[in-house]
Amino acid sequence: MNRLKNRLDEVEVSEIKLQAIIDDVTLEVLADTNQPELNAQLESAVISLSVIVVNRLGTEGLASEGYSGVSTSYLDDVPPRVASILNANRRLGVWEDEDESIT
């Protein structure tokens, strides 16, 4: 959690909410990569994705906005660096042969 707090600078979010975000992102990363646990690279991806989630709080579903001639757009995708980490750590599913499991 300290790594996430250090990356957020002055963003005010409760520790309970930060932990919930980390937990949710961790589950998503593990499901996406089909890994049983996080390695160092995946931990880094979880922190990066958690920063994105925190920064998007309150703007979910918003594609872009404009006020007084100033336009703001929001990212929809995972940053390329994080996507490459996820792809490099993706495991194919493990399936048992039904004939081998019968004794």
C-alpha atoms as a PDB file:
ATOM      1  CA  MET A   1       0.000   0.000   0.000  1.00  0.00           C
ATOM      2  CA  ASN A   2       2.905   2.368   0.667  1.00  0.00           C
ATOM      3  CA  ARG A   3       4.077   2.034  -2.936  1.00  0.00           C
ATOM      4  CA  LEU A   4       0.635   3.107  -4.109  1.00  0.00           C
ATOM      5  CA  LYS A   5       0.480   6.018  -1.649  1.00  0.00           C
ATOM      6  CA  ASN A   6       3.895   7.250  -2.837  1.00  0.00           C
ATOM      7  CA  ARG A   7       2.690   7.322  -6.452  1.00  0.00           C
ATOM      8  CA  LEU A   8      -0.507   9.221  -5.613  1.00  0.00           C
ATOM      9  CA  ASP A   9       1.167  12.363  -4.238  1.00  0.00           C
ATOM     10  CA  GLU A  10      -1.606  14.531  -2.786  1.00  0.00           C
ATOM     11  CA  VAL A  11      -4.672  12.452  -3.673  1.00  0.00           C
ATOM     12  CA  GLU A  12      -6.832  11.948  -0.575  1.00  0.00           C
ATOM     13  CA  VAL A  13      -8.223   8.409  -0.443  1.00  0.00           C
ATOM     14  CA  SER A  14      -8.812   6.364   2.699  1.00  0.00           C
ATOM     15  CA  GLU A  15      -6.576   3.375   3.396  1.00  0.00           C
ATOM     16  CA  ILE A  16      -9.628   1.112   3.406  1.00  0.00           C
ATOM     17  CA  LYS A  17     -10.578   2.248  -0.116  1.00  0.00           C
ATOM     18  CA  LEU A  18      -6.968   1.939  -1.329  1.00  0.00           C
ATOM     19  CA  GLN A  19      -6.754  -1.619   0.007  1.00  0.00           C
ATOM     20  CA  ALA A  20     -10.064  -2.504  -1.657  1.00  0.00           C
ATOM     21  CA  ILE A  21      -8.770  -1.125  -4.974  1.00  0.00           C
ATOM     22  CA  ILE A  22      -5.504  -3.072  -4.651  1.00  0.00           C
ATOM     23  CA  ASP A  23      -7.452  -6.248  -3.829  1.00  0.00           C
ATOM     24  CA  ASP A  24      -9.800  -5.799  -6.806  1.00  0.00           C
ATOM     25  CA  VAL A  25      -6.983  -5.043  -9.248  1.00  0.00           C
ATOM     26  CA  THR A  26      -4.979  -7.996  -7.911  1.00  0.00           C
ATOM     27  CA  LEU A  27      -7.899 -10.351  -8.568  1.00  0.00           C
ATOM     28  CA  GLU A  28      -8.295  -8.941 -12.083  1.00  0.00           C
ATOM     29  CA  VAL A  29      -4.578  -9.319 -12.855  1.00  0.00           C
ATOM     30  CA  LEU A  30      -4.476 -12.898 -11.527  1.00  0.00           C
ATOM     31  CA  ALA A  31      -7.581 -13.810 -13.527  1.00  0.00           C
ATOM     32  CA  ASP A  32      -6.245 -12.143 -16.681  1.00  0.00           C
ATOM     33  CA  THR A  33      -2.847 -13.851 -16.474  1.00  0.00           C
ATOM     34  CA  ASN A  34      -4.101 -17.192 -15.076  1.00  0.00           C
ATOM     35  CA  GLN A  35      -1.412 -17.017 -12.388  1.00  0.00           C
ATOM     36  CA  PRO A  36      -1.882 -18.385  -8.843  1.00  0.00           C
ATOM     37  CA  GLU A  37       0.044 -15.496  -7.243  1.00  0.00           C
ATOM     38  CA  LEU A  38       1.752 -12.200  -8.061  1.00  0.00           C
ATOM     39  CA  ASN A  39       5.422 -12.051  -8.983  1.00  0.00           C
ATOM     40  CA  ALA A  40       7.445  -8.804  -8.828  1.00  0.00           C
ATOM     41  CA  GLN A  41       6.435  -7.742 -12.345  1.00  0.00           C
ATOM     42  CA  LEU A  42       2.756  -8.353 -11.682  1.00  0.00           C
ATOM     43  CA  GLU A  43       2.961  -6.460  -8.383  1.00  0.00           C
ATOM     44  CA  SER A  44       4.269  -3.487 -10.350  1.00  0.00           C
ATOM     45  CA  ALA A  45       1.376  -3.836 -12.805  1.00  0.00           C
ATOM     46  CA  VAL A  46      -1.110  -3.939  -9.901  1.00  0.00           C
ATOM     47  CA  ILE A  47       0.306  -0.679  -8.499  1.00  0.00           C
ATOM     48  CA  SER A  48       0.203   1.019 -11.923  1.00  0.00           C
ATOM     49  CA  LEU A  49      -3.365  -0.107 -12.574  1.00  0.00           C
ATOM     50  CA  SER A  50      -4.401   0.893  -9.040  1.00  0.00           C
ATOM     51  CA  VAL A  51      -3.088   4.418  -9.655  1.00  0.00           C
ATOM     52  CA  ILE A  52      -5.273   4.592 -12.772  1.00  0.00           C
ATOM     53  CA  VAL A  53      -8.314   3.377 -10.813  1.00  0.00           C
ATOM     54  CA  VAL A  54      -7.753   5.949  -8.052  1.00  0.00           C
ATOM     55  CA  ASN A  55      -7.286   8.747 -10.575  1.00  0.00           C
ATOM     56  CA  ARG A  56     -10.559   7.759 -12.278  1.00  0.00           C
ATOM     57  CA  LEU A  57     -12.640   7.771  -9.097  1.00  0.00           C
ATOM     58  CA  GLY A  58     -15.694   9.887  -9.779  1.00  0.00           C
ATOM     59  CA  THR A  59     -15.207   9.855 -13.554  1.00  0.00           C
ATOM     60  CA  GLU A  60     -16.253   6.275 -14.328  1.00  0.00           C
ATOM     61  CA  GLY A  61     -17.896   6.031 -17.716  1.00  0.00           C
ATOM     62  CA  LEU A  62     -16.739   9.508 -18.799  1.00  0.00           C
ATOM     63  CA  ALA A  63     -14.971   9.486 -22.185  1.00  0.00           C
ATOM     64  CA  SER A  64     -14.161  13.209 -22.345  1.00  0.00           C
ATOM     65  CA  GLU A  65     -15.335  16.534 -21.025  1.00  0.00           C
ATOM     66  CA  GLY A  66     -14.930  20.195 -21.896  1.00  0.00           C
ATOM     67  CA  TYR A  67     -15.360  23.407 -19.928  1.00  0.00           C
ATOM     68  CA  SER A  68     -14.756  26.935 -21.210  1.00  0.00           C
ATOM     69  CA  GLY A  69     -12.804  25.748 -24.229  1.00  0.00           C
ATOM     70  CA  VAL A  70     -10.611  23.339 -22.222  1.00  0.00           C
ATOM     71  CA  SER A  71     -11.051  19.697 -23.182  1.00  0.00           C
ATOM     72  CA  THR A  72     -10.041  16.668 -21.118  1.00  0.00           C
ATOM     73  CA  SER A  73      -9.918  13.075 -22.348  1.00  0.00           C
ATOM     74  CA  TYR A  74      -9.541   9.901 -20.309  1.00  0.00           C
ATOM     75  CA  LEU A  75      -7.665   6.725 -21.159  1.00  0.00           C
ATOM     76  CA  ASP A  76      -9.751   3.687 -21.975  1.00  0.00           C
ATOM     77  CA  ASP A  77      -7.014   1.100 -22.294  1.00  0.00           C
ATOM     78  CA  VAL A  78      -4.232  -0.335 -20.212  1.00  0.00           C
ATOM     79  CA  PRO A  79      -0.965   1.563 -20.797  1.00  0.00           C
ATOM     80  CA  PRO A  80       1.340  -0.285 -23.236  1.00  0.00           C
ATOM     81  CA  ARG A  81       4.031  -0.935 -20.592  1.00  0.00           C
ATOM     82  CA  VAL A  82       1.510  -2.571 -18.241  1.00  0.00           C
ATOM     83  CA  ALA A  83      -0.077  -4.529 -21.108  1.00  0.00           C
ATOM     84  CA  SER A  84       3.327  -5.948 -22.054  1.00  0.00           C
ATOM     85  CA  ILE A  85       3.900  -7.041 -18.426  1.00  0.00           C
ATOM     86  CA  LEU A  86       0.513  -8.760 -18.357  1.00  0.00           C
ATOM     87  CA  ASN A  87       1.126 -10.446 -21.716  1.00  0.00           C
ATOM     88  CA  ALA A  88       4.607 -11.622 -20.695  1.00  0.00           C
ATOM     89  CA  ASN A  89       3.176 -13.214 -17.545  1.00  0.00           C
ATOM     90  CA  ARG A  90       0.084 -14.759 -19.122  1.00  0.00           C
ATOM     91  CA  ARG A  91      -0.183 -18.513 -18.632  1.00  0.00           C
ATOM     92  CA  LEU A  92      -2.217 -20.866 -20.758  1.00  0.00           C
ATOM     93  CA  GLY A  93      -4.897 -22.773 -18.901  1.00  0.00           C
ATOM     94  CA  VAL A  94      -4.133 -26.197 -17.468  1.00  0.00           C
ATOM     95  CA  TRP A  95      -6.483 -28.971 -18.491  1.00  0.00           C
ATOM     96  CA  GLU A  96      -6.421 -32.581 -17.419  1.00  0.00           C
ATOM     97  CA  ASP A  97      -7.070 -35.329 -19.879  1.00  0.00           C
ATOM     98  CA  GLU A  98     -10.265 -37.038 -18.742  1.00  0.00           C
ATOM     99  CA  ASP A  99      -8.862 -40.489 -19.575  1.00  0.00           C
ATOM    100  CA  GLU A 100      -5.804 -39.921 -17.363  1.00  0.00           C
ATOM    101  CA  SER A 101      -7.870 -38.906 -14.334  1.00  0.00           C
ATOM    102  CA  ILE A 102      -9.822 -42.168 -14.346  1.00  0.00           C
ATOM    103  CA  THR A 103      -8.113 -44.916 -12.359  1.00  0.00           C
END
